[in-house]
PDB file of N, CA and C in Angstrom:
ATOM      1  N   UNK A   1      82.781  -4.630-137.723  1.00  0.00           N
ATOM      2  CA  UNK A   1      82.167  -3.690-136.446  1.00  0.00           C
ATOM      3  C   UNK A   1      83.240  -2.793-135.600  1.00  0.00           C
ATOM      4  N   UNK A   2      82.081  -1.415-134.784  1.00  0.00           N
ATOM      5  CA  UNK A   2      83.227   0.119-134.318  1.00  0.00           C
ATOM      6  C   UNK A   2      83.610  -0.709-133.056  1.00  0.00           C
ATOM      7  N   UNK A   3      84.562   0.346-132.065  1.00  0.00           N
ATOM      8  CA  UNK A   3      85.213  -0.312-130.840  1.00  0.00           C
ATOM      9  C   UNK A   3      83.567   0.538-129.664  1.00  0.00           C
ATOM     10  N   UNK A   4      83.279  -0.841-128.845  1.00  0.00           N
ATOM     11  CA  UNK A   4      81.874  -1.006-127.784  1.00  0.00           C
ATOM     12  C   UNK A   4      82.232   0.981-127.099  1.00  0.00           C
ATOM     13  N   UNK A   5      81.748   1.814-126.371  1.00  0.00           N
ATOM     14  CA  UNK A   5      81.623   3.074-126.188  1.00  0.00           C
ATOM     15  C   UNK A   5      82.670   2.574-124.431  1.00  0.00           C
ATOM     16  N   UNK A   6      81.385   1.235-123.670  1.00  0.00           N
ATOM     17  CA  UNK A   6      81.498   1.160-122.980  1.00  0.00           C
ATOM     18  C   UNK A   6      81.624  -0.819-122.585  1.00  0.00           C
ATOM     19  N   UNK A   7      82.078  -1.166-122.058  1.00  0.00           N
ATOM     20  CA  UNK A   7      81.782  -2.299-121.898  1.00  0.00           C
ATOM     21  C   UNK A   7      81.975  -2.577-120.348  1.00  0.00           C
ATOM     22  N   UNK A   8      80.363  -4.117-120.068  1.00  0.00           N
ATOM     23  CA  UNK A   8      80.861  -3.992-118.711  1.00  0.00           C
ATOM     24  C   UNK A   8      80.151  -6.010-118.514  1.00  0.00           C
ATOM     25  N   UNK A   9      80.120  -6.185-117.475  1.00  0.00           N
ATOM     26  CA  UNK A   9      79.586  -7.000-116.899  1.00  0.00           C
ATOM     27  C   UNK A   9      77.536  -7.191-117.358  1.00  0.00           C
ATOM     28  N   UNK A  10      77.543  -8.176-118.028  1.00  0.00           N
ATOM     29  CA  UNK A  10      76.046  -8.475-118.224  1.00  0.00           C
ATOM     30  C   UNK A  10      74.888  -9.174-117.779  1.00  0.00           C
ATOM     31  N   UNK A  11      74.101  -8.055-117.145  1.00  0.00           N
ATOM     32  CA  UNK A  11      73.048  -9.094-116.289  1.00  0.00           C
ATOM     33  C   UNK A  11      71.616  -9.620-116.679  1.00  0.00           C
ATOM     34  N   UNK A  12      71.029  -8.803-117.362  1.00  0.00           N
ATOM     35  CA  UNK A  12      69.562  -9.534-118.182  1.00  0.00           C
ATOM     36  C   UNK A  12      69.909  -8.990-119.087  1.00  0.00           C
ATOM     37  N   UNK A  13      69.507 -10.317-120.120  1.00  0.00           N
ATOM     38  CA  UNK A  13      70.681 -10.441-121.187  1.00  0.00           C
ATOM     39  C   UNK A  13      69.203 -10.113-122.146  1.00  0.00           C
ATOM     40  N   UNK A  14      69.768  -9.209-123.446  1.00  0.00           N
ATOM     41  CA  UNK A  14      68.787  -8.227-124.386  1.00  0.00           C
ATOM     42  C   UNK A  14      69.835  -7.680-124.666  1.00  0.00           C
ATOM     43  N   UNK A  15      69.301  -6.827-125.771  1.00  0.00           N
ATOM     44  CA  UNK A  15      69.744  -5.244-126.476  1.00  0.00           C
ATOM     45  C   UNK A  15      68.488  -4.597-127.369  1.00  0.00           C
ATOM     46  N   UNK A  16      68.641  -3.877-127.203  1.00  0.00           N
ATOM     47  CA  UNK A  16      67.805  -2.182-127.570  1.00  0.00           C
ATOM     48  C   UNK A  16      68.910  -1.447-128.085  1.00  0.00           C
ATOM     49  N   UNK A  17      67.686  -0.359-128.562  1.00  0.00           N
ATOM     50  CA  UNK A  17      69.258   0.492-128.911  1.00  0.00           C
ATOM     51  C   UNK A  17      67.168   1.951-128.435  1.00  0.00           C
ATOM     52  N   UNK A  18      68.148   3.227-127.991  1.00  0.00           N
ATOM     53  CA  UNK A  18      67.559   4.161-127.785  1.00  0.00           C
ATOM     54  C   UNK A  18      68.246   5.757-126.995  1.00  0.00           C
ATOM     55  N   UNK A  19      67.448   6.292-126.741  1.00  0.00           N
ATOM     56  CA  UNK A  19      68.318   7.192-126.247  1.00  0.00           C
ATOM     57  C   UNK A  19      68.336   7.486-124.521  1.00  0.00           C
ATOM     58  N   UNK A  20      70.001   7.158-124.487  1.00  0.00           N
ATOM     59  CA  UNK A  20      70.139   8.130-123.192  1.00  0.00           C
ATOM     60  C   UNK A  20      69.896   8.507-122.367  1.00  0.00           C
ATOM     61  N   UNK A  21      69.492   8.134-121.486  1.00  0.00           N
ATOM     62  CA  UNK A  21      69.627   9.739-120.406  1.00  0.00           C
ATOM     63  C   UNK A  21      70.659   8.835-118.899  1.00  0.00           C
ATOM     64  N   UNK A  22      71.755   9.908-118.886  1.00  0.00           N
ATOM     65  CA  UNK A  22      72.229   9.876-117.536  1.00  0.00           C
ATOM     66  C   UNK A  22      71.567  10.431-115.821  1.00  0.00           C
ATOM     67  N   UNK A  23      72.117   9.398-115.318  1.00  0.00           N
ATOM     68  CA  UNK A  23      71.247   9.775-114.088  1.00  0.00           C
ATOM     69  C   UNK A  23      71.933  10.662-112.773  1.00  0.00           C
ATOM     70  N   UNK A  24      72.596  11.799-112.760  1.00  0.00           N
ATOM     71  CA  UNK A  24      73.452  11.962-112.460  1.00  0.00           C
ATOM     72  C   UNK A  24      73.218  11.795-110.502  1.00  0.00           C
ATOM     73  N   UNK A  25      72.048  12.359-109.977  1.00  0.00           N
ATOM     74  CA  UNK A  25      72.228  11.837-108.568  1.00  0.00           C
ATOM     75  C   UNK A  25      70.517  11.400-108.725  1.00  0.00           C
ATOM     76  N   UNK A  26      69.853  10.744-107.543  1.00  0.00           N
ATOM     77  CA  UNK A  26      68.470  10.291-107.948  1.00  0.00           C
ATOM     78  C   UNK A  26      67.284  11.083-107.996  1.00  0.00           C
ATOM     79  N   UNK A  27      67.520  12.998-107.833  1.00  0.00           N
ATOM     80  CA  UNK A  27      66.839  13.940-108.337  1.00  0.00           C
ATOM     81  C   UNK A  27      66.702  13.923-109.594  1.00  0.00           C
ATOM     82  N   UNK A  28      67.503  13.326-110.389  1.00  0.00           N
ATOM     83  CA  UNK A  28      67.773  13.406-112.465  1.00  0.00           C
ATOM     84  C   UNK A  28      66.174  12.394-112.209  1.00  0.00           C
ATOM     85  N   UNK A  29      65.757  11.676-111.285  1.00  0.00           N
ATOM     86  CA  UNK A  29      65.161  10.605-111.916  1.00  0.00           C
ATOM     87  C   UNK A  29      63.398  11.136-112.900  1.00  0.00           C
ATOM     88  N   UNK A  30      63.012  12.462-112.058  1.00  0.00           N
ATOM     89  CA  UNK A  30      62.150  13.360-112.163  1.00  0.00           C
ATOM     90  C   UNK A  30      61.787  13.664-114.044  1.00  0.00           C
ATOM     91  N   UNK A  31      63.121  14.007-114.397  1.00  0.00           N
ATOM     92  CA  UNK A  31      63.431  14.438-116.201  1.00  0.00           C
ATOM     93  C   UNK A  31      63.315  12.850-117.328  1.00  0.00           C
ATOM     94  N   UNK A  32      63.495  12.219-115.833  1.00  0.00           N
ATOM     95  CA  UNK A  32      63.181  10.693-117.260  1.00  0.00           C
ATOM     96  C   UNK A  32      61.877  10.543-117.964  1.00  0.00           C
ATOM     97  N   UNK A  33      61.820  10.464-119.065  1.00  0.00           N
ATOM     98  CA  UNK A  33      60.760   9.892-119.827  1.00  0.00           C
ATOM     99  C   UNK A  33      60.315   8.521-120.395  1.00  0.00           C
ATOM    100  N   UNK A  34      59.627   7.272-120.773  1.00  0.00           N
ATOM    101  CA  UNK A  34      59.643   6.335-121.366  1.00  0.00           C
ATOM    102  C   UNK A  34      60.356   6.051-121.993  1.00  0.00           C
ATOM    103  N   UNK A  35      61.176   4.572-122.255  1.00  0.00           N
ATOM    104  CA  UNK A  35      61.777   4.228-123.465  1.00  0.00           C
ATOM    105  C   UNK A  35      63.189   4.930-123.249  1.00  0.00           C
ATOM    106  N   UNK A  36      63.636   5.196-122.458  1.00  0.00           N
ATOM    107  CA  UNK A  36      65.148   5.742-122.088  1.00  0.00           C
ATOM    108  C   UNK A  36      65.923   4.560-121.443  1.00  0.00           C
ATOM    109  N   UNK A  37      66.989   4.596-122.474  1.00  0.00           N
ATOM    110  CA  UNK A  37      68.539   3.731-121.321  1.00  0.00           C
ATOM    111  C   UNK A  37      68.791   4.883-120.210  1.00  0.00           C
ATOM    112  N   UNK A  38      68.815   4.243-118.822  1.00  0.00           N
ATOM    113  CA  UNK A  38      69.297   4.819-118.177  1.00  0.00           C
ATOM    114  C   UNK A  38      71.001   4.145-117.664  1.00  0.00           C
ATOM    115  N   UNK A  39      72.005   5.691-117.191  1.00  0.00           N
ATOM    116  CA  UNK A  39      72.588   5.249-117.037  1.00  0.00           C
ATOM    117  C   UNK A  39      73.312   6.211-116.120  1.00  0.00           C
ATOM    118  N   UNK A  40      73.337   4.765-114.699  1.00  0.00           N
ATOM    119  CA  UNK A  40      73.471   5.368-113.249  1.00  0.00           C
ATOM    120  C   UNK A  40      74.679   4.967-112.838  1.00  0.00           C
ATOM    121  N   UNK A  41      74.505   5.678-111.265  1.00  0.00           N
ATOM    122  CA  UNK A  41      76.657   5.830-111.245  1.00  0.00           C
ATOM    123  C   UNK A  41      76.611   4.028-109.976  1.00  0.00           C
ATOM    124  N   UNK A  42      75.705   3.310-108.998  1.00  0.00           N
ATOM    125  CA  UNK A  42      75.173   2.693-108.216  1.00  0.00           C
ATOM    126  C   UNK A  42      74.235   2.389-108.818  1.00  0.00           C
ATOM    127  N   UNK A  43      73.829   1.234-106.989  1.00  0.00           N
ATOM    128  CA  UNK A  43      72.440   0.500-107.275  1.00  0.00           C
ATOM    129  C   UNK A  43      72.007   1.535-106.178  1.00  0.00           C
ATOM    130  N   UNK A  44      70.815   1.732-106.419  1.00  0.00           N
ATOM    131  CA  UNK A  44      70.122   2.613-105.564  1.00  0.00           C
ATOM    132  C   UNK A  44      68.540   2.045-105.229  1.00  0.00           C
ATOM    133  N   UNK A  45      67.826   2.030-104.147  1.00  0.00           N
ATOM    134  CA  UNK A  45      66.376   1.406-104.226  1.00  0.00           C
ATOM    135  C   UNK A  45      65.587   3.029-105.202  1.00  0.00           C
ATOM    136  N   UNK A  46      66.239   4.182-105.120  1.00  0.00           N
ATOM    137  CA  UNK A  46      65.406   5.093-105.422  1.00  0.00           C
ATOM    138  C   UNK A  46      65.503   5.025-106.659  1.00  0.00           C
ATOM    139  N   UNK A  47      66.927   4.584-107.496  1.00  0.00           N
ATOM    140  CA  UNK A  47      66.752   4.377-108.873  1.00  0.00           C
ATOM    141  C   UNK A  47      66.033   3.345-109.497  1.00  0.00           C
ATOM    142  N   UNK A  48      65.649   1.738-108.440  1.00  0.00           N
ATOM    143  CA  UNK A  48      64.371   0.998-109.025  1.00  0.00           C
ATOM    144  C   UNK A  48      63.667   1.078-109.883  1.00  0.00           C
ATOM    145  N   UNK A  49      62.421   2.596-109.059  1.00  0.00           N
ATOM    146  CA  UNK A  49      61.365   3.613-109.481  1.00  0.00           C
ATOM    147  C   UNK A  49      61.985   3.712-111.198  1.00  0.00           C
ATOM    148  N   UNK A  50      62.659   4.541-111.403  1.00  0.00           N
ATOM    149  CA  UNK A  50      63.225   4.901-112.802  1.00  0.00           C
ATOM    150  C   UNK A  50      63.599   3.435-113.962  1.00  0.00           C
ATOM    151  N   UNK A  51      63.850   2.852-113.607  1.00  0.00           N
ATOM    152  CA  UNK A  51      63.055   1.031-114.276  1.00  0.00           C
ATOM    153  C   UNK A  51      62.133   0.423-114.905  1.00  0.00           C
ATOM    154  N   UNK A  52      60.602   1.632-114.327  1.00  0.00           N
ATOM    155  CA  UNK A  52      59.434   1.709-114.202  1.00  0.00           C
ATOM    156  C   UNK A  52      58.838   1.664-115.437  1.00  0.00           C
ATOM    157  N   UNK A  53      60.048   2.537-116.180  1.00  0.00           N
ATOM    158  CA  UNK A  53      60.046   3.424-117.683  1.00  0.00           C
ATOM    159  C   UNK A  53      60.463   3.191-118.584  1.00  0.00           C
ATOM    160  N   UNK A  54      62.509   3.101-117.829  1.00  0.00           N
ATOM    161  CA  UNK A  54      63.707   2.126-118.618  1.00  0.00           C
ATOM    162  C   UNK A  54      63.342   1.083-119.530  1.00  0.00           C
ATOM    163  N   UNK A  55      64.030   1.497-120.399  1.00  0.00           N
ATOM    164  CA  UNK A  55      64.122   0.686-122.311  1.00  0.00           C
ATOM    165  C   UNK A  55      65.458  -0.548-121.297  1.00  0.00           C
ATOM    166  N   UNK A  56      66.360  -0.151-121.272  1.00  0.00           N
ATOM    167  CA  UNK A  56      67.700  -0.585-120.090  1.00  0.00           C
ATOM    168  C   UNK A  56      68.630   0.360-118.998  1.00  0.00           C
ATOM    169  N   UNK A  57      69.386  -0.718-119.279  1.00  0.00           N
ATOM    170  CA  UNK A  57      70.222   0.338-117.750  1.00  0.00           C
ATOM    171  C   UNK A  57      71.634  -0.513-118.059  1.00  0.00           C
ATOM    172  N   UNK A  58      72.306   0.796-117.706  1.00  0.00           N
ATOM    173  CA  UNK A  58      74.040   0.865-117.363  1.00  0.00           C
ATOM    174  C   UNK A  58      73.998   1.052-116.412  1.00  0.00           C
ATOM    175  N   UNK A  59      74.417   0.153-115.645  1.00  0.00           N
ATOM    176  CA  UNK A  59      74.882   0.670-114.213  1.00  0.00           C
ATOM    177  C   UNK A  59      76.800   1.521-114.424  1.00  0.00           C
ATOM    178  N   UNK A  60      77.851   1.734-113.569  1.00  0.00           N
ATOM    179  CA  UNK A  60      78.751   1.878-113.507  1.00  0.00           C
ATOM    180  C   UNK A  60      79.532   1.271-112.618  1.00  0.00           C
ATOM    181  N   UNK A  61      78.868   1.108-110.961  1.00  0.00           N
ATOM    182  CA  UNK A  61      79.008  -0.221-110.205  1.00  0.00           C
ATOM    183  C   UNK A  61      78.608  -0.695-109.396  1.00  0.00           C
ATOM    184  N   UNK A  62      78.523  -1.900-109.129  1.00  0.00           N
ATOM    185  CA  UNK A  62      77.439  -2.566-108.370  1.00  0.00           C
ATOM    186  C   UNK A  62      77.832  -4.062-109.320  1.00  0.00           C
ATOM    187  N   UNK A  63      77.568  -5.264-108.119  1.00  0.00           N
ATOM    188  CA  UNK A  63      77.269  -6.408-108.746  1.00  0.00           C
ATOM    189  C   UNK A  63      76.055  -6.807-109.103  1.00  0.00           C
ATOM    190  N   UNK A  64      76.213  -8.007-109.827  1.00  0.00           N
ATOM    191  CA  UNK A  64      75.248  -9.349-110.545  1.00  0.00           C
ATOM    192  C   UNK A  64      74.037  -8.972-109.984  1.00  0.00           C
ATOM    193  N   UNK A  65      73.898  -8.819-108.175  1.00  0.00           N
ATOM    194  CA  UNK A  65      72.957  -8.898-107.132  1.00  0.00           C
ATOM    195  C   UNK A  65      72.674  -7.378-106.944  1.00  0.00           C
ATOM    196  N   UNK A  66      72.960  -7.546-107.298  1.00  0.00           N
ATOM    197  CA  UNK A  66      72.841  -5.749-106.110  1.00  0.00           C
ATOM    198  C   UNK A  66      71.814  -5.559-106.690  1.00  0.00           C
ATOM    199  N   UNK A  67      70.518  -3.957-106.341  1.00  0.00           N
ATOM    200  CA  UNK A  67      69.599  -3.811-105.714  1.00  0.00           C
ATOM    201  C   UNK A  67      68.662  -4.082-107.128  1.00  0.00           C
ATOM    202  N   UNK A  68      69.647  -2.833-108.347  1.00  0.00           N
ATOM    203  CA  UNK A  68      68.959  -2.859-109.230  1.00  0.00           C
ATOM    204  C   UNK A  68      69.076  -3.252-110.368  1.00  0.00           C
ATOM    205  N   UNK A  69      69.820  -3.990-110.115  1.00  0.00           N
ATOM    206  CA  UNK A  69      70.407  -4.889-111.245  1.00  0.00           C
ATOM    207  C   UNK A  69      69.250  -6.467-110.989  1.00  0.00           C
ATOM    208  N   UNK A  70      69.258  -6.614-110.182  1.00  0.00           N
ATOM    209  CA  UNK A  70      68.198  -8.237-109.464  1.00  0.00           C
ATOM    210  C   UNK A  70      66.198  -7.617-110.095  1.00  0.00           C
ATOM    211  N   UNK A  71      65.670  -5.886-109.721  1.00  0.00           N
ATOM    212  CA  UNK A  71      65.120  -6.135-110.069  1.00  0.00           C
ATOM    213  C   UNK A  71      65.362  -5.623-112.247  1.00  0.00           C
ATOM    214  N   UNK A  72      66.128  -5.836-112.443  1.00  0.00           N
ATOM    215  CA  UNK A  72      65.856  -5.738-113.650  1.00  0.00           C
ATOM    216  C   UNK A  72      65.660  -6.787-114.500  1.00  0.00           C
ATOM    217  N   UNK A  73      66.543  -7.827-113.672  1.00  0.00           N
ATOM    218  CA  UNK A  73      66.999  -9.125-114.056  1.00  0.00           C
ATOM    219  C   UNK A  73      64.925 -10.017-114.082  1.00  0.00           C
ATOM    220  N   UNK A  74      64.223  -9.410-113.187  1.00  0.00           N
ATOM    221  CA  UNK A  74      63.005  -9.808-112.690  1.00  0.00           C
ATOM    222  C   UNK A  74      61.834  -8.901-113.699  1.00  0.00           C
ATOM    223  N   UNK A  75      62.543  -7.751-114.156  1.00  0.00           N
ATOM    224  CA  UNK A  75      61.574  -6.772-115.274  1.00  0.00           C
ATOM    225  C   UNK A  75      61.563  -7.343-116.580  1.00  0.00           C
ATOM    226  N   UNK A  76      63.272  -8.367-116.878  1.00  0.00           N
ATOM    227  CA  UNK A  76      63.422  -8.353-117.916  1.00  0.00           C
ATOM    228  C   UNK A  76      64.059  -7.045-119.205  1.00  0.00           C
ATOM    229  N   UNK A  77      63.918  -6.265-118.542  1.00  0.00           N
ATOM    230  CA  UNK A  77      64.884  -4.953-118.965  1.00  0.00           C
ATOM    231  C   UNK A  77      66.627  -5.204-118.757  1.00  0.00           C
ATOM    232  N   UNK A  78      67.063  -5.396-120.625  1.00  0.00           N
ATOM    233  CA  UNK A  78      68.174  -5.286-120.819  1.00  0.00           C
ATOM    234  C   UNK A  78      69.133  -4.853-120.150  1.00  0.00           C
ATOM    235  N   UNK A  79      70.117  -4.881-119.210  1.00  0.00           N
ATOM    236  CA  UNK A  79      71.082  -4.458-118.166  1.00  0.00           C
ATOM    237  C   UNK A  79      72.159  -4.563-118.172  1.00  0.00           C
ATOM    238  N   UNK A  80      73.608  -4.334-118.048  1.00  0.00           N
ATOM    239  CA  UNK A  80      75.057  -4.037-117.557  1.00  0.00           C
ATOM    240  C   UNK A  80      75.474  -3.389-115.963  1.00  0.00           C
ATOM    241  N   UNK A  81      76.313  -3.786-115.480  1.00  0.00           N
ATOM    242  CA  UNK A  81      76.804  -3.322-114.414  1.00  0.00           C
ATOM    243  C   UNK A  81      78.266  -3.219-114.281  1.00  0.00           C
ATOM    244  N   UNK A  82      79.231  -2.387-114.115  1.00  0.00           N
ATOM    245  CA  UNK A  82      80.765  -2.766-113.681  1.00  0.00           C
ATOM    246  C   UNK A  82      81.075  -1.890-114.992  1.00  0.00           C
ATOM    247  N   UNK A  83      80.393  -1.076-115.751  1.00  0.00           N
ATOM    248  CA  UNK A  83      80.443  -0.031-116.721  1.00  0.00           C
ATOM    249  C   UNK A  83      81.179   1.026-116.591  1.00  0.00           C
ATOM    250  N   UNK A  84      82.103   0.522-116.230  1.00  0.00           N
ATOM    251  CA  UNK A  84      83.734   1.406-115.636  1.00  0.00           C
ATOM    252  C   UNK A  84      83.843   3.086-117.315  1.00  0.00           C
ATOM    253  N   UNK A  85      83.380   3.753-116.591  1.00  0.00           N
ATOM    254  CA  UNK A  85      83.113   5.130-116.702  1.00  0.00           C
ATOM    255  C   UNK A  85      82.227   5.794-117.794  1.00  0.00           C
ATOM    256  N   UNK A  86      81.057   4.577-117.903  1.00  0.00           N
ATOM    257  CA  UNK A  86      79.841   4.902-118.980  1.00  0.00           C
ATOM    258  C   UNK A  86      79.383   6.391-118.281  1.00  0.00           C
ATOM    259  N   UNK A  87      79.514   6.983-116.586  1.00  0.00           N
ATOM    260  CA  UNK A  87      78.956   8.407-117.039  1.00  0.00           C
ATOM    261  C   UNK A  87      79.660   9.442-117.490  1.00  0.00           C
ATOM    262  N   UNK A  88      80.617   9.202-117.828  1.00  0.00           N
ATOM    263  CA  UNK A  88      81.863  10.003-118.637  1.00  0.00           C
ATOM    264  C   UNK A  88      81.886   9.551-119.635  1.00  0.00           C
ATOM    265  N   UNK A  89      81.520   8.699-120.702  1.00  0.00           N
ATOM    266  CA  UNK A  89      81.278   8.452-121.413  1.00  0.00           C
ATOM    267  C   UNK A  89      80.200   8.734-122.811  1.00  0.00           C
ATOM    268  N   UNK A  90      79.246   8.105-121.862  1.00  0.00           N
ATOM    269  CA  UNK A  90      77.401   7.727-122.609  1.00  0.00           C
ATOM    270  C   UNK A  90      77.415   9.249-122.226  1.00  0.00           C
ATOM    271  N   UNK A  91      77.061  10.280-123.740  1.00  0.00           N
ATOM    272  CA  UNK A  91      76.031  11.921-122.829  1.00  0.00           C
ATOM    273  C   UNK A  91      74.791  11.672-123.221  1.00  0.00           C
ATOM    274  N   UNK A  92      73.783  12.267-122.466  1.00  0.00           N
ATOM    275  CA  UNK A  92      72.760  12.612-121.739  1.00  0.00           C
ATOM    276  C   UNK A  92      72.145  12.714-122.727  1.00  0.00           C
ATOM    277  N   UNK A  93      71.322  12.056-124.315  1.00  0.00           N
ATOM    278  CA  UNK A  93      70.950  12.272-124.995  1.00  0.00           C
ATOM    279  C   UNK A  93      70.836  11.753-126.190  1.00  0.00           C
ATOM    280  N   UNK A  94      72.437  10.599-126.288  1.00  0.00           N
ATOM    281  CA  UNK A  94      73.038  10.302-127.226  1.00  0.00           C
ATOM    282  C   UNK A  94      72.149   9.068-127.391  1.00  0.00           C
ATOM    283  N   UNK A  95      72.213   8.830-129.004  1.00  0.00           N
ATOM    284  CA  UNK A  95      71.391   7.324-128.448  1.00  0.00           C
ATOM    285  C   UNK A  95      73.221   6.298-129.247  1.00  0.00           C
ATOM    286  N   UNK A  96      71.876   4.970-127.919  1.00  0.00           N
ATOM    287  CA  UNK A  96      73.586   3.536-128.523  1.00  0.00           C
ATOM    288  C   UNK A  96      72.647   2.700-128.262  1.00  0.00           C
ATOM    289  N   UNK A  97      73.082   1.828-128.445  1.00  0.00           N
ATOM    290  CA  UNK A  97      72.699   0.233-128.834  1.00  0.00           C
ATOM    291  C   UNK A  97      73.909  -0.584-127.394  1.00  0.00           C
ATOM    292  N   UNK A  98      72.564  -0.807-126.972  1.00  0.00           N
ATOM    293  CA  UNK A  98      72.406  -1.606-125.046  1.00  0.00           C
ATOM    294  C   UNK A  98      72.279  -3.039-126.074  1.00  0.00           C
ATOM    295  N   UNK A  99      73.694  -3.933-126.079  1.00  0.00           N
ATOM    296  CA  UNK A  99      73.969  -5.636-125.660  1.00  0.00           C
ATOM    297  C   UNK A  99      74.176  -5.614-124.682  1.00  0.00           C
ATOM    298  N   UNK A 100      73.228  -6.183-123.801  1.00  0.00           N
ATOM    299  CA  UNK A 100      72.731  -6.801-122.559  1.00  0.00           C
ATOM    300  C   UNK A 100      73.854  -8.326-122.765  1.00  0.00           C
ATOM    301  N   UNK A 101      73.750  -8.354-123.778  1.00  0.00           N
ATOM    302  CA  UNK A 101      74.061 -10.408-124.014  1.00  0.00           C
ATOM    303  C   UNK A 101      75.464  -9.938-123.319  1.00  0.00           C
ATOM    304  N   UNK A 102      76.574  -9.636-124.390  1.00  0.00           N
ATOM    305  CA  UNK A 102      77.972  -8.898-124.503  1.00  0.00           C
ATOM    306  C   UNK A 102      77.908  -8.145-123.737  1.00  0.00           C
ATOM    307  N   UNK A 103      77.779  -6.908-122.844  1.00  0.00           N
ATOM    308  CA  UNK A 103      78.338  -6.198-121.295  1.00  0.00           C
ATOM    309  C   UNK A 103      78.521  -4.831-123.573  1.00  0.00           C
ATOM    310  N   UNK A 104      78.291  -4.948-123.512  1.00  0.00           N
ATOM    311  CA  UNK A 104      78.490  -4.366-124.043  1.00  0.00           C
ATOM    312  C   UNK A 104      77.400  -3.291-125.357  1.00  0.00           C
ATOM    313  N   UNK A 105      78.483  -1.531-125.090  1.00  0.00           N
ATOM    314  CA  UNK A 105      77.592  -0.266-125.527  1.00  0.00           C
ATOM    315  C   UNK A 105      78.016   0.188-126.587  1.00  0.00           C
ATOM    316  N   UNK A 106      77.519   0.869-127.613  1.00  0.00           N
ATOM    317  CA  UNK A 106      77.735   1.278-128.579  1.00  0.00           C
ATOM    318  C   UNK A 106      77.490   2.518-129.737  1.00  0.00           C
ATOM    319  N   UNK A 107      77.876   3.060-129.734  1.00  0.00           N
ATOM    320  CA  UNK A 107      77.744   4.393-130.729  1.00  0.00           C
ATOM    321  C   UNK A 107      76.717   3.836-132.117  1.00  0.00           C
ATOM    322  N   UNK A 108      75.193   4.859-131.881  1.00  0.00           N
ATOM    323  CA  UNK A 108      73.778   4.246-132.462  1.00  0.00           C
ATOM    324  C   UNK A 108      74.279   4.572-133.705  1.00  0.00           C
ATOM    325  N   UNK A 109      74.676   5.825-133.929  1.00  0.00           N
ATOM    326  CA  UNK A 109      75.369   6.086-135.117  1.00  0.00           C
ATOM    327  C   UNK A 109      75.953   5.056-135.864  1.00  0.00           C
ATOM    328  N   UNK A 110      76.822   4.262-135.775  1.00  0.00           N
ATOM    329  CA  UNK A 110      77.979   3.339-136.409  1.00  0.00           C
ATOM    330  C   UNK A 110      76.798   1.868-137.006  1.00  0.00           C
ATOM    331  N   UNK A 111      77.231   2.525-138.189  1.00  0.00           N
ATOM    332  CA  UNK A 111      76.422   1.619-138.931  1.00  0.00           C
ATOM    333  C   UNK A 111      76.550   0.094-139.230  1.00  0.00           C
ATOM    334  N   UNK A 112      75.870  -0.848-139.532  1.00  0.00           N
ATOM    335  CA  UNK A 112      76.271  -2.566-139.345  1.00  0.00           C
ATOM    336  C   UNK A 112      75.895  -3.205-137.772  1.00  0.00           C
ATOM    337  N   UNK A 113      75.587  -2.716-137.070  1.00  0.00           N
ATOM    338  CA  UNK A 113      74.959  -3.237-136.170  1.00  0.00           C
ATOM    339  C   UNK A 113      74.469  -4.553-135.873  1.00  0.00           C
TER     340      UNK A 113
END
């Protein structure tokens, strides 16, 4: 298996493959389409709106009990937090494999996952 792009702390277990949507600000929520794996800089109540259509969450900063993580757990959406540099490493539109059970994110073009 290849090296992960990003690692963090798994909050809500599960795995999901999909296109990443990097939300650099809360204004980017307007561009979000259903099924995307959102990549966010921190927890914010406004980002919780994005969870209504997200298939996964990668959060750079915040604890397991931060607002976004709590909502993801309640909704059963795979989520990791403390994913250092995720906003720099994961490209908007990149297809990724999020393994929130282990806290790892892989490039989905890598075969054999």
